[in-house]
Amino acid sequence: MIKSIIFLSLLLLYTVTYLVADQSIPSNTKINFTQDEQDYLSKKKEVIVCDYGEWMPYIGHDETHTFGILYDFYKVFASKIGVPMRFVHKPDMEACVTMVTEGEADAVVSLGTPNTFSDIALSHEYGNDFVALVTQLQTPFIRDMKVLNGKAVGIIGHYKNMIAYLHNTYPSLQLQKVDSTADGLAQVAKGELYAFIDIYRIAAYTIRREHVGELKINTKVYPLVMRAHVGLRKEDVLLKSIFNKAIDNLSTAEKTRMIGHWMRAEKVVKPDYRLLIEIVTGALLLLLGFLYYHLKVRYRQKALLEKQAKLAGMGSMISNIAHQWRQPLSRINSNITVMKMLLDSNEAQKEQLTEKLNSIEENTQYMSDTIEDFLHFFHPNKQKTSVLLQACVEKALHLTGIYSKNIKVSINANKESWVYTYEKELIQVILIILNNAMDNFKIKSTSDPKIEISVESHQGKALLSIRDNGGGIEEKEIDRIFEPYYTTKFKHEGTGLGLYMAKLLTENSMGGSLRVKNVKGGALFEIALPKGENKDA
């Protein structure tokens, strides 16, 4: 437990120290360029830098990008002088030198000393690295290069200055030229070479990626140091001066940060999106599977709800039939009672009996029509027709027997209004509203009951308004009167399905709208329906 606390404390201390150190790196300080240098830079749109070979972590390439320590250095140079750097790639140093001397490029990314190119001038040193000796992991530390006498030691073939120095200093070394760092390290790992000489950071970078547990940096090759300078045309004096000022402006912290970034990196590869694609593809498949399952469940639920709705609809249909039959049966019963009284009193008159029998016939026909309407409410093949709205109103009024109930009815219809709808369903809706008005007159004992009916056109539709003077509907109840089984009557006087069925028929079946509001002295029901064409025209 104590060890864990100590470890975490040290880790925290290191992290804070690193962050503070990183934040202490100074931002670009202003460089005082001469007027000539400023004029030169203002005309310079870009600096073309030629790089060569593949020698990570200093310079590397993929299909579209250049990267590495030297590339990062030049990005900093660009920010300091205010001119962008554009890299062009060549296979070797000599090709880059040719580009610069011929004016096709402005700078060679890195040249060492001594300078063997007469037409090239070198900037100040902007970086350096020592030369290292690489051996197998089990090889003892080598204190003296003379130990390597008679042993095969590899070195990259184009390190000409380094090879010349080693031949002169250690003539007994058996130097064998290899093509690349990877080639030389591989031969040491196989035992084909005893050791391999290379620039330290290049060797260390490659070992960490390809030969961990096999090879090591055994020692430094003294006094060799590889120094990096910008290679420029001798004639381009101003650009050399500008680079020198940018290099001198580099802080130690900036150099450490750029070098450390690449030496800490575990591996430099171009982005590989295969894993991401696999993860996203898998996630999409899971999502599609979930959506399929969800839709399947919803489909089942919908089918179940439809089945339940049909059962509920059957129950509602039966309840509505009972509701709609209540008043016709009452009228039939009343007519039968009157007929019986006339017969019992021997005062039977043909005209009166005929009237009552006709009333019975009409009400039984209405009851039969009610059954037909409910049976065909959900029928997919029922057909709408153009009907005269005033005629439907008259039929409904006649069926209620309202004219014999001491209720004043006025109809305001200046001209014929045709609607495209289901005739029997419309009559049902009008009947429900009229019956509710008459029931309300009875419940509230309205002294002078009146019903005003008007037919007009409104916003391209036929509008039927039915207004009564029965005192209106309480505000707390007006928003609920179209709910199923909600009634303001006593339980024995209503089921609460009439107005619900009226709204259902109007809006779900006939494609219209049914609204209610309180007006002075009563309630106003408004039925809006699609217009139809005059069949008699």
Protein backbone atom coordinates (compact mmCIF):
# COMPACT_ATOMS: atom_id res chain seq x y z
CA MET A 1 0.00 0.00 0.00
CA ILE A 2 2.81 2.43 0.98
CA LYS A 3 4.75 1.53 -2.19
CA SER A 4 1.65 2.28 -4.29
CA ILE A 5 1.24 5.69 -2.63
CA ILE A 6 4.94 6.51 -3.20
CA PHE A 7 4.68 5.42 -6.86
CA LEU A 8 1.58 7.51 -7.46
CA SER A 9 3.18 10.52 -5.75
CA LEU A 10 6.28 10.24 -7.94
CA LEU A 11 4.12 9.82 -11.04
CA LEU A 12 2.10 12.91 -10.14
CA LEU A 13 5.28 14.89 -9.43
CA TYR A 14 6.75 13.85 -12.80
CA THR A 15 3.55 14.77 -14.63
CA VAL A 16 3.33 18.20 -13.02
CA THR A 17 7.04 18.81 -13.64
CA TYR A 18 6.66 17.81 -17.29
CA LEU A 19 3.63 20.04 -17.78
CA VAL A 20 5.34 23.00 -16.15
CA ALA A 21 8.45 22.41 -18.24
CA ASP A 22 6.36 22.17 -21.39
CA GLN A 23 4.53 25.38 -20.55
CA SER A 24 7.84 27.15 -19.93
CA ILE A 25 8.82 26.82 -23.62
CA PRO A 26 8.90 30.41 -24.81
CA SER A 27 6.71 31.53 -27.66
CA ASN A 28 8.33 32.96 -30.77
CA THR A 29 10.30 36.06 -29.84
CA LYS A 30 10.48 38.79 -32.44
CA ILE A 31 13.48 38.67 -34.80
CA ASN A 32 14.95 41.97 -35.90
CA PHE A 33 15.34 41.57 -39.66
CA THR A 34 17.09 44.29 -41.64
CA GLN A 35 15.14 46.34 -44.16
CA ASP A 36 16.72 44.36 -47.01
CA GLU A 37 15.72 41.08 -45.33
CA GLN A 38 12.17 42.32 -44.78
CA ASP A 39 11.92 43.36 -48.44
CA TYR A 40 13.25 39.93 -49.46
CA LEU A 41 10.69 38.10 -47.31
CA SER A 42 7.79 40.27 -48.50
CA LYS A 43 8.52 39.16 -52.07
CA LYS A 44 9.10 35.52 -51.12
CA LYS A 45 5.88 33.53 -51.37
CA GLU A 46 7.48 30.27 -50.14
CA VAL A 47 10.81 28.64 -49.35
CA ILE A 48 11.33 25.38 -51.25
CA VAL A 49 13.24 22.86 -49.14
CA CYS A 50 14.68 19.73 -50.72
CA ASP A 51 14.88 16.63 -48.50
CA TYR A 52 16.37 13.28 -49.41
CA GLY A 53 16.21 9.64 -48.37
CA GLU A 54 14.28 8.04 -45.53
CA TRP A 55 16.03 8.45 -42.19
CA MET A 56 13.56 8.52 -39.37
CA PRO A 57 13.11 10.05 -36.92
CA TYR A 58 14.68 12.94 -38.85
CA ILE A 59 12.80 12.68 -42.17
CA GLY A 60 10.06 10.32 -43.32
CA HIS A 61 7.35 10.25 -45.97
CA ASP A 62 4.09 8.61 -46.90
CA GLU A 63 1.92 9.10 -49.99
CA THR A 64 0.94 12.66 -49.08
CA HIS A 65 2.96 13.85 -46.06
CA THR A 66 6.48 14.66 -44.91
CA PHE A 67 7.24 14.31 -41.21
CA GLY A 68 10.02 13.97 -38.66
CA ILE A 69 12.32 16.06 -36.46
CA LEU A 70 13.79 18.14 -39.31
CA TYR A 71 10.32 18.78 -40.74
CA ASP A 72 9.23 20.11 -37.32
CA PHE A 73 12.32 22.34 -37.20
CA TYR A 74 11.41 23.85 -40.54
CA LYS A 75 7.83 24.45 -39.43
CA VAL A 76 9.24 26.51 -36.57
CA PHE A 77 11.57 28.33 -38.99
CA ALA A 78 8.55 29.15 -41.17
CA SER A 79 6.68 30.64 -38.21
CA LYS A 80 9.72 32.70 -37.21
CA ILE A 81 10.39 34.22 -40.64
CA GLY A 82 6.72 34.42 -41.67
CA VAL A 83 7.11 32.52 -44.96
CA PRO A 84 5.76 28.96 -45.55
CA MET A 85 8.13 26.07 -46.32
CA ARG A 86 7.32 23.63 -49.12
CA PHE A 87 9.17 20.30 -49.16
CA VAL A 88 10.24 18.44 -52.30
CA HIS A 89 11.68 14.94 -52.06
CA LYS A 90 14.71 13.53 -53.90
CA PRO A 91 16.42 10.15 -53.56
CA ASP A 92 19.83 11.45 -52.41
CA MET A 93 21.77 14.45 -51.16
CA GLU A 94 23.51 15.14 -54.48
CA ALA A 95 20.16 15.54 -56.27
CA CYS A 96 19.06 18.12 -53.68
CA VAL A 97 22.34 20.04 -54.01
CA THR A 98 21.83 20.15 -57.78
CA MET A 99 18.30 21.53 -57.36
CA VAL A 100 19.57 24.31 -55.08
CA THR A 101 22.54 25.29 -57.26
CA GLU A 102 20.30 25.42 -60.35
CA GLY A 103 17.70 27.57 -58.55
CA GLU A 104 14.93 24.95 -58.50
CA ALA A 105 14.98 24.88 -54.70
CA ASP A 106 16.07 27.31 -52.00
CA ALA A 107 17.57 24.99 -49.38
CA VAL A 108 18.86 21.49 -48.68
CA VAL A 109 17.19 20.20 -45.53
CA SER A 110 20.44 19.19 -43.82
CA LEU A 111 24.13 19.14 -44.68
CA GLY A 112 26.99 18.27 -42.38
CA THR A 113 30.57 19.42 -42.01
CA PRO A 114 33.00 19.53 -43.59
CA ASN A 115 31.14 21.06 -46.54
CA THR A 116 32.29 19.35 -49.75
CA PHE A 117 30.04 21.33 -52.12
CA SER A 118 31.71 24.44 -53.50
CA ASP A 119 28.50 26.17 -54.64
CA ILE A 120 26.69 25.64 -51.33
CA ALA A 121 26.88 27.81 -48.22
CA LEU A 122 25.98 26.44 -44.79
CA SER A 123 23.84 28.15 -42.19
CA HIS A 124 24.55 28.08 -38.50
CA GLU A 125 24.19 24.66 -36.87
CA TYR A 126 20.60 23.98 -35.85
CA GLY A 127 21.05 20.45 -34.48
CA ASN A 128 23.52 17.67 -33.82
CA ASP A 129 23.70 14.01 -32.92
CA PHE A 130 26.48 11.62 -31.94
CA VAL A 131 27.46 8.40 -33.71
CA ALA A 132 26.58 5.13 -31.96
CA LEU A 133 27.76 1.54 -32.09
CA VAL A 134 24.98 -1.06 -32.09
CA THR A 135 25.51 -4.69 -31.00
CA GLN A 136 23.47 -7.64 -29.88
CA LEU A 137 21.96 -7.35 -26.42
CA GLN A 138 24.40 -9.83 -24.82
CA THR A 139 27.56 -8.17 -26.19
CA PRO A 140 29.66 -6.59 -23.39
CA PHE A 141 30.20 -2.84 -23.22
CA ILE A 142 32.94 -1.80 -25.65
CA ARG A 143 35.33 0.77 -24.12
CA ASP A 144 37.84 0.85 -26.96
CA MET A 145 37.13 0.64 -30.69
CA LYS A 146 40.29 -1.48 -31.05
CA VAL A 147 38.25 -4.38 -29.66
CA LEU A 148 36.51 -4.42 -33.05
CA ASN A 149 39.73 -5.12 -34.97
CA GLY A 150 39.19 -8.08 -37.25
CA LYS A 151 35.41 -8.06 -36.74
CA ALA A 152 32.78 -7.26 -39.38
CA VAL A 153 31.23 -3.84 -38.68
CA GLY A 154 28.46 -2.43 -40.85
CA ILE A 155 27.96 1.18 -41.98
CA ILE A 156 25.61 2.83 -44.49
CA GLY A 157 27.34 3.28 -47.84
CA HIS A 158 26.51 6.95 -48.44
CA TYR A 159 28.07 8.08 -45.11
CA LYS A 160 31.23 9.02 -47.08
CA ASN A 161 32.74 11.49 -44.60
CA MET A 162 32.14 9.08 -41.71
CA ILE A 163 33.68 6.15 -43.59
CA ALA A 164 36.76 8.25 -44.47
CA TYR A 165 37.23 9.27 -40.85
CA LEU A 166 36.90 5.67 -39.57
CA HIS A 167 39.35 4.32 -42.16
CA ASN A 168 41.91 6.91 -41.13
CA THR A 169 41.37 6.54 -37.37
CA TYR A 170 40.77 2.77 -37.15
CA PRO A 171 42.44 1.22 -40.21
CA SER A 172 42.01 -2.33 -38.86
CA LEU A 173 38.19 -2.09 -38.86
CA GLN A 174 36.53 -4.36 -41.41
CA LEU A 175 33.83 -1.94 -42.55
CA GLN A 176 31.05 -3.47 -44.64
CA LYS A 177 28.69 -1.14 -46.46
CA VAL A 178 24.93 -1.71 -46.12
CA ASP A 179 21.99 -0.04 -47.85
CA SER A 180 20.07 1.25 -44.86
CA THR A 181 19.71 1.33 -41.08
CA ALA A 182 17.13 -1.46 -41.22
CA ASP A 183 19.50 -3.61 -43.30
CA GLY A 184 22.45 -3.06 -40.96
CA LEU A 185 20.46 -3.77 -37.79
CA ALA A 186 18.93 -6.90 -39.31
CA GLN A 187 22.40 -8.28 -40.11
CA VAL A 188 23.59 -7.64 -36.55
CA ALA A 189 20.49 -9.39 -35.19
CA LYS A 190 21.24 -12.43 -37.40
CA GLY A 191 24.91 -12.47 -36.39
CA GLU A 192 26.11 -11.61 -39.90
CA LEU A 193 27.71 -8.42 -38.54
CA TYR A 194 29.33 -8.05 -35.13
CA ALA A 195 28.34 -4.40 -34.86
CA PHE A 196 26.74 -1.56 -36.81
CA ILE A 197 27.69 2.14 -36.81
CA ASP A 198 24.97 4.75 -37.35
CA ILE A 199 23.67 8.10 -36.14
CA TYR A 200 22.39 7.58 -32.59
CA ARG A 201 18.75 8.76 -32.90
CA ILE A 202 18.23 6.88 -36.17
CA ALA A 203 19.58 3.64 -34.69
CA ALA A 204 17.68 4.03 -31.40
CA TYR A 205 14.43 4.87 -33.16
CA THR A 206 14.62 1.75 -35.37
CA ILE A 207 15.70 -0.57 -32.53
CA ARG A 208 12.68 0.46 -30.46
CA ARG A 209 10.39 -0.48 -33.32
CA GLU A 210 11.98 -3.58 -34.78
CA HIS A 211 14.57 -5.09 -32.43
CA VAL A 212 13.53 -4.59 -28.83
CA GLY A 213 15.09 -7.40 -26.77
CA GLU A 214 17.63 -8.18 -29.51
CA LEU A 215 19.87 -5.14 -30.00
CA LYS A 216 21.21 -2.24 -27.96
CA ILE A 217 23.21 0.97 -28.25
CA ASN A 218 26.52 -0.32 -26.93
CA THR A 219 28.62 2.86 -26.93
CA LYS A 220 29.38 6.17 -28.62
CA VAL A 221 31.92 6.41 -31.42
CA TYR A 222 34.12 9.26 -30.23
CA PRO A 223 34.68 11.96 -31.29
CA LEU A 224 32.25 11.76 -34.20
CA VAL A 225 29.35 14.23 -34.09
CA MET A 226 26.91 14.75 -36.95
CA ARG A 227 25.98 18.43 -37.27
CA ALA A 228 22.94 19.74 -39.16
CA HIS A 229 23.10 22.92 -41.24
CA VAL A 230 20.74 24.39 -43.83
CA GLY A 231 22.37 24.15 -47.27
CA LEU A 232 21.87 27.33 -49.36
CA ARG A 233 23.12 28.85 -52.62
CA LYS A 234 26.21 30.91 -51.99
CA GLU A 235 24.67 33.81 -53.89
CA ASP A 236 21.55 33.84 -51.67
CA VAL A 237 23.20 35.85 -48.91
CA LEU A 238 19.99 37.35 -47.57
CA LEU A 239 18.26 33.96 -47.16
CA LYS A 240 21.34 32.63 -45.35
CA SER A 241 21.25 35.60 -42.96
CA ILE A 242 17.50 35.10 -42.41
CA PHE A 243 17.97 31.38 -41.60
CA ASN A 244 20.87 32.17 -39.25
CA LYS A 245 18.67 34.59 -37.28
CA ALA A 246 15.82 32.05 -37.12
CA ILE A 247 18.26 29.33 -35.93
CA ASP A 248 19.80 31.62 -33.33
CA ASN A 249 16.28 32.44 -32.14
CA LEU A 250 15.58 28.75 -31.39
CA SER A 251 15.53 28.04 -27.66
CA THR A 252 16.93 24.88 -26.09
CA ALA A 253 13.43 24.09 -24.85
CA GLU A 254 12.02 24.26 -28.39
CA LYS A 255 14.72 21.90 -29.69
CA THR A 256 14.18 19.48 -26.78
CA ARG A 257 10.45 19.46 -27.36
CA MET A 258 10.70 18.67 -31.08
CA ILE A 259 13.34 15.97 -30.66
CA GLY A 260 11.62 14.47 -27.61
CA HIS A 261 8.31 14.22 -29.42
CA TRP A 262 9.75 11.82 -31.99
CA MET A 263 12.02 9.91 -29.65
CA ARG A 264 9.12 9.30 -27.25
CA ALA A 265 6.77 8.19 -30.04
CA GLU A 266 6.34 4.45 -30.10
CA LYS A 267 5.70 4.16 -33.79
CA VAL A 268 5.16 6.49 -36.73
CA VAL A 269 2.73 5.09 -39.21
CA LYS A 270 0.19 6.60 -41.53
CA PRO A 271 -3.31 6.49 -40.10
CA ASP A 272 -4.89 3.06 -40.32
CA TYR A 273 -8.62 3.34 -40.29
CA ARG A 274 -9.34 -0.38 -40.70
CA LEU A 275 -10.03 -0.95 -37.01
CA LEU A 276 -12.21 2.17 -36.88
CA ILE A 277 -14.10 0.99 -39.98
CA GLU A 278 -14.58 -2.45 -38.41
CA ILE A 279 -15.83 -0.90 -35.17
CA VAL A 280 -18.19 1.48 -36.99
CA THR A 281 -19.41 -1.31 -39.27
CA GLY A 282 -20.03 -3.56 -36.29
CA ALA A 283 -21.83 -0.76 -34.47
CA LEU A 284 -23.98 -0.07 -37.53
CA LEU A 285 -24.85 -3.75 -37.85
CA LEU A 286 -25.79 -3.85 -34.17
CA LEU A 287 -27.84 -0.68 -34.63
CA LEU A 288 -29.59 -2.12 -37.69
CA GLY A 289 -30.26 -5.32 -35.78
CA PHE A 290 -31.67 -3.33 -32.88
CA LEU A 291 -33.82 -1.21 -35.23
CA TYR A 292 -35.09 -4.35 -36.98
CA TYR A 293 -35.97 -5.92 -33.63
CA HIS A 294 -37.54 -2.66 -32.43
CA LEU A 295 -39.62 -2.30 -35.60
CA LYS A 296 -40.65 -5.95 -35.38
CA VAL A 297 -41.78 -5.46 -31.78
CA ARG A 298 -43.61 -2.26 -32.74
CA TYR A 299 -45.31 -4.07 -35.62
CA ARG A 300 -46.46 -6.80 -33.26
CA GLN A 301 -47.63 -4.21 -30.74
CA LYS A 302 -49.46 -2.34 -33.48
CA ALA A 303 -51.16 -5.54 -34.67
CA LEU A 304 -52.12 -6.32 -31.07
CA LEU A 305 -53.43 -2.79 -30.54
CA GLU A 306 -55.43 -3.01 -33.77
CA LYS A 307 -56.92 -6.27 -32.59
CA GLN A 308 -57.72 -4.72 -29.22
CA ALA A 309 -59.12 -1.66 -30.99
CA LYS A 310 -61.43 -3.86 -33.04
CA LEU A 311 -62.67 -5.56 -29.90
CA ALA A 312 -63.08 -2.19 -28.20
CA GLY A 313 -64.78 -0.90 -31.35
CA MET A 314 -67.26 -3.76 -31.18
CA GLY A 315 -67.99 -2.88 -27.58
CA SER A 316 -68.36 0.81 -28.48
CA MET A 317 -70.57 -0.13 -31.41
CA ILE A 318 -72.90 -2.10 -29.18
CA SER A 319 -72.94 0.70 -26.59
CA ASN A 320 -73.66 3.29 -29.28
CA ILE A 321 -76.44 1.20 -30.77
CA ALA A 322 -77.98 0.96 -27.31
CA HIS A 323 -77.58 4.71 -26.88
CA GLN A 324 -79.05 5.52 -30.26
CA TRP A 325 -81.96 3.11 -29.76
CA ARG A 326 -82.93 4.48 -26.35
CA GLN A 327 -85.00 7.41 -27.61
CA PRO A 328 -86.61 5.66 -30.65
CA LEU A 329 -87.71 2.83 -28.37
CA SER A 330 -89.09 5.36 -25.96
CA ARG A 331 -91.08 6.98 -28.78
CA ILE A 332 -92.34 3.61 -30.02
CA ASN A 333 -93.39 2.68 -26.51
CA SER A 334 -95.15 6.04 -26.12
CA ASN A 335 -96.98 5.59 -29.41
CA ILE A 336 -98.06 2.08 -28.43
CA THR A 337 -99.35 3.42 -25.10
CA VAL A 338 -101.38 6.13 -26.86
CA MET A 339 -102.77 3.60 -29.33
CA LYS A 340 -103.73 1.29 -26.48
CA MET A 341 -105.49 4.15 -24.69
CA LEU A 342 -107.37 5.06 -27.86
CA LEU A 343 -108.41 1.47 -28.38
CA ASP A 344 -109.40 1.02 -24.73
CA SER A 345 -111.56 4.13 -24.82
CA ASN A 346 -113.23 3.10 -28.08
CA GLU A 347 -112.12 6.46 -29.43
CA ALA A 348 -109.80 5.00 -31.97
CA GLN A 349 -109.56 7.09 -35.01
CA LYS A 350 -107.95 5.97 -38.19
CA GLU A 351 -105.99 9.16 -38.76
CA GLN A 352 -104.43 9.15 -35.30
CA LEU A 353 -103.59 5.46 -35.46
CA THR A 354 -102.05 5.88 -38.89
CA GLU A 355 -99.90 8.74 -37.61
CA LYS A 356 -98.66 6.67 -34.70
CA LEU A 357 -98.00 3.64 -36.86
CA ASN A 358 -96.03 5.78 -39.29
CA SER A 359 -94.00 7.10 -36.39
CA ILE A 360 -93.30 3.57 -35.22
CA GLU A 361 -92.24 2.58 -38.73
CA GLU A 362 -89.91 5.57 -39.07
CA ASN A 363 -88.29 4.96 -35.72
CA THR A 364 -87.80 1.26 -36.38
CA GLN A 365 -86.27 2.17 -39.75
CA TYR A 366 -83.98 4.61 -37.97
CA MET A 367 -82.97 1.84 -35.56
CA SER A 368 -82.22 -0.43 -38.52
CA ASP A 369 -80.20 2.31 -40.19
CA THR A 370 -78.26 2.79 -36.97
CA ILE A 371 -77.21 -0.85 -37.05
CA GLU A 372 -76.21 -0.56 -40.71
CA ASP A 373 -74.18 2.61 -40.04
CA PHE A 374 -72.24 1.00 -37.22
CA LEU A 375 -71.69 -2.20 -39.15
CA HIS A 376 -70.29 -0.28 -42.13
CA PHE A 377 -68.34 2.33 -40.16
CA PHE A 378 -65.04 0.45 -40.65
CA HIS A 379 -65.97 -0.94 -44.06
CA PRO A 380 -63.22 -0.10 -46.59
CA ASN A 381 -65.50 -0.02 -49.65
CA LYS A 382 -68.20 2.41 -48.52
CA GLN A 383 -68.76 5.25 -50.97
CA LYS A 384 -69.27 8.97 -50.38
CA THR A 385 -71.87 10.84 -52.39
CA SER A 386 -72.93 14.44 -52.88
CA VAL A 387 -75.95 15.14 -50.66
CA LEU A 388 -78.00 18.24 -49.95
CA LEU A 389 -77.12 19.43 -46.44
CA GLN A 390 -80.56 20.98 -45.84
CA ALA A 391 -82.24 17.65 -46.70
CA CYS A 392 -80.11 15.82 -44.12
CA VAL A 393 -81.09 18.40 -41.50
CA GLU A 394 -84.78 17.94 -42.30
CA LYS A 395 -84.54 14.16 -42.06
CA ALA A 396 -82.82 14.39 -38.69
CA LEU A 397 -85.41 16.88 -37.38
CA HIS A 398 -88.24 14.63 -38.55
CA LEU A 399 -86.74 11.57 -36.87
CA THR A 400 -86.47 13.38 -33.53
CA GLY A 401 -90.15 14.38 -33.62
CA ILE A 402 -88.97 17.79 -32.44
CA TYR A 403 -91.87 19.69 -33.99
CA SER A 404 -94.32 18.01 -31.59
CA LYS A 405 -92.25 18.82 -28.48
CA ASN A 406 -92.95 22.54 -28.14
CA ILE A 407 -89.40 23.41 -29.30
CA LYS A 408 -88.98 26.31 -31.71
CA VAL A 409 -86.73 25.42 -34.64
CA SER A 410 -85.48 27.97 -37.16
CA ILE A 411 -83.42 27.13 -40.24
CA ASN A 412 -81.35 29.80 -41.98
CA ALA A 413 -80.14 28.61 -45.40
CA ASN A 414 -80.17 31.18 -48.18
CA LYS A 415 -79.16 28.72 -50.85
CA GLU A 416 -78.68 25.01 -51.35
CA SER A 417 -75.47 23.61 -49.93
CA TRP A 418 -74.16 20.28 -51.18
CA VAL A 419 -71.61 18.24 -49.25
CA TYR A 420 -69.52 15.23 -50.28
CA THR A 421 -70.00 12.71 -47.48
CA TYR A 422 -71.80 9.65 -46.15
CA GLU A 423 -75.45 10.66 -45.89
CA LYS A 424 -76.53 8.30 -43.12
CA GLU A 425 -73.50 9.12 -40.98
CA LEU A 426 -74.19 12.85 -41.33
CA ILE A 427 -77.82 12.34 -40.27
CA GLN A 428 -76.55 10.34 -37.27
CA VAL A 429 -74.27 13.22 -36.22
CA ILE A 430 -77.08 15.81 -36.54
CA LEU A 431 -79.43 13.52 -34.60
CA ILE A 432 -76.90 13.11 -31.77
CA ILE A 433 -76.49 16.89 -31.43
CA LEU A 434 -80.26 17.52 -31.58
CA ASN A 435 -81.02 14.75 -29.07
CA ASN A 436 -78.39 16.18 -26.69
CA ALA A 437 -79.98 19.62 -26.99
CA MET A 438 -83.46 18.22 -26.26
CA ASP A 439 -82.14 16.23 -23.29
CA ASN A 440 -80.49 19.40 -21.99
CA PHE A 441 -83.76 21.35 -22.30
CA LYS A 442 -85.47 18.67 -20.21
CA ILE A 443 -82.72 18.47 -17.57
CA LYS A 444 -82.53 22.26 -17.12
CA SER A 445 -86.29 22.79 -17.57
CA THR A 446 -85.74 25.43 -20.22
CA SER A 447 -88.92 27.53 -20.39
CA ASP A 448 -88.73 28.61 -24.05
CA PRO A 449 -86.50 26.05 -25.82
CA LYS A 450 -85.11 27.14 -29.19
CA ILE A 451 -82.80 25.60 -31.75
CA GLU A 452 -81.31 27.72 -34.53
CA ILE A 453 -79.79 25.94 -37.52
CA SER A 454 -77.79 27.74 -40.18
CA VAL A 455 -76.06 26.53 -43.35
CA GLU A 456 -73.34 28.60 -45.02
CA SER A 457 -70.00 28.43 -46.80
CA HIS A 458 -66.81 29.09 -44.83
CA GLN A 459 -63.21 28.86 -46.11
CA GLY A 460 -64.14 26.57 -48.99
CA LYS A 461 -66.24 24.21 -46.86
CA ALA A 462 -69.90 23.81 -46.00
CA LEU A 463 -70.55 24.90 -42.40
CA LEU A 464 -73.56 23.59 -40.45
CA SER A 465 -74.20 25.45 -37.16
CA ILE A 466 -76.64 24.16 -34.51
CA ARG A 467 -77.31 26.58 -31.66
CA ASP A 468 -79.54 26.14 -28.63
CA ASN A 469 -80.60 28.29 -25.67
CA GLY A 470 -80.20 25.57 -23.06
CA GLY A 471 -77.75 27.49 -20.89
CA GLY A 472 -74.55 26.17 -22.44
CA ILE A 473 -71.90 23.81 -21.08
CA GLU A 474 -69.87 24.39 -17.93
CA GLU A 475 -66.35 25.61 -18.79
CA LYS A 476 -64.72 22.80 -16.79
CA GLU A 477 -66.63 20.24 -18.87
CA ILE A 478 -66.57 21.76 -22.39
CA ASP A 479 -63.14 20.30 -23.23
CA ARG A 480 -64.22 16.80 -22.19
CA ILE A 481 -67.65 16.35 -23.76
CA PHE A 482 -66.18 14.54 -26.80
CA GLU A 483 -64.37 11.98 -24.61
CA PRO A 484 -65.84 8.47 -24.62
CA TYR A 485 -68.06 7.61 -21.67
CA TYR A 486 -67.99 11.18 -20.35
CA THR A 487 -71.52 12.44 -19.66
CA THR A 488 -73.08 15.36 -17.80
CA LYS A 489 -76.37 13.45 -17.52
CA PHE A 490 -77.44 10.99 -14.88
CA LYS A 491 -76.19 7.47 -15.54
CA HIS A 492 -79.67 6.21 -16.49
CA GLU A 493 -80.04 9.05 -19.00
CA GLY A 494 -76.86 8.67 -21.07
CA THR A 495 -73.79 6.54 -21.78
CA GLY A 496 -71.36 9.35 -22.69
CA LEU A 497 -70.83 7.89 -26.17
CA GLY A 498 -73.11 10.04 -28.32
CA LEU A 499 -70.92 13.12 -28.82
CA TYR A 500 -67.79 10.95 -28.90
CA MET A 501 -69.33 8.96 -31.77
CA ALA A 502 -70.43 12.19 -33.49
CA LYS A 503 -66.87 13.53 -33.48
CA LEU A 504 -65.49 10.16 -34.58
CA LEU A 505 -67.92 9.98 -37.52
CA THR A 506 -67.34 13.62 -38.53
CA GLU A 507 -63.56 13.70 -38.39
CA ASN A 508 -62.37 10.10 -38.91
CA SER A 509 -64.98 8.99 -41.41
CA MET A 510 -66.40 12.04 -43.19
CA GLY A 511 -63.16 14.06 -43.25
CA GLY A 512 -64.70 17.11 -41.59
CA SER A 513 -64.48 18.78 -38.20
CA LEU A 514 -66.79 19.14 -35.20
CA ARG A 515 -66.35 21.91 -32.66
CA VAL A 516 -68.37 23.29 -29.75
CA LYS A 517 -68.35 26.58 -27.88
CA ASN A 518 -70.53 28.47 -25.51
CA VAL A 519 -72.47 31.42 -26.85
CA LYS A 520 -74.91 33.79 -25.19
CA GLY A 521 -77.62 31.69 -23.53
CA GLY A 522 -76.52 28.32 -24.85
CA ALA A 523 -74.13 26.14 -26.86
CA LEU A 524 -73.09 26.24 -30.52
CA PHE A 525 -72.00 23.12 -32.42
CA GLU A 526 -70.27 23.68 -35.77
CA ILE A 527 -69.83 20.95 -38.37
CA ALA A 528 -67.49 21.71 -41.30
CA LEU A 529 -67.62 19.31 -44.28
CA PRO A 530 -66.08 19.10 -47.76
CA LYS A 531 -68.30 20.64 -50.42
CA GLY A 532 -70.02 18.46 -53.00
CA GLU A 533 -71.54 18.99 -56.43
CA ASN A 534 -75.22 19.53 -57.16
CA LYS A 535 -76.48 16.17 -58.46
CA ASP A 536 -79.53 17.79 -60.01
CA ALA A 537 -77.56 20.41 -61.97
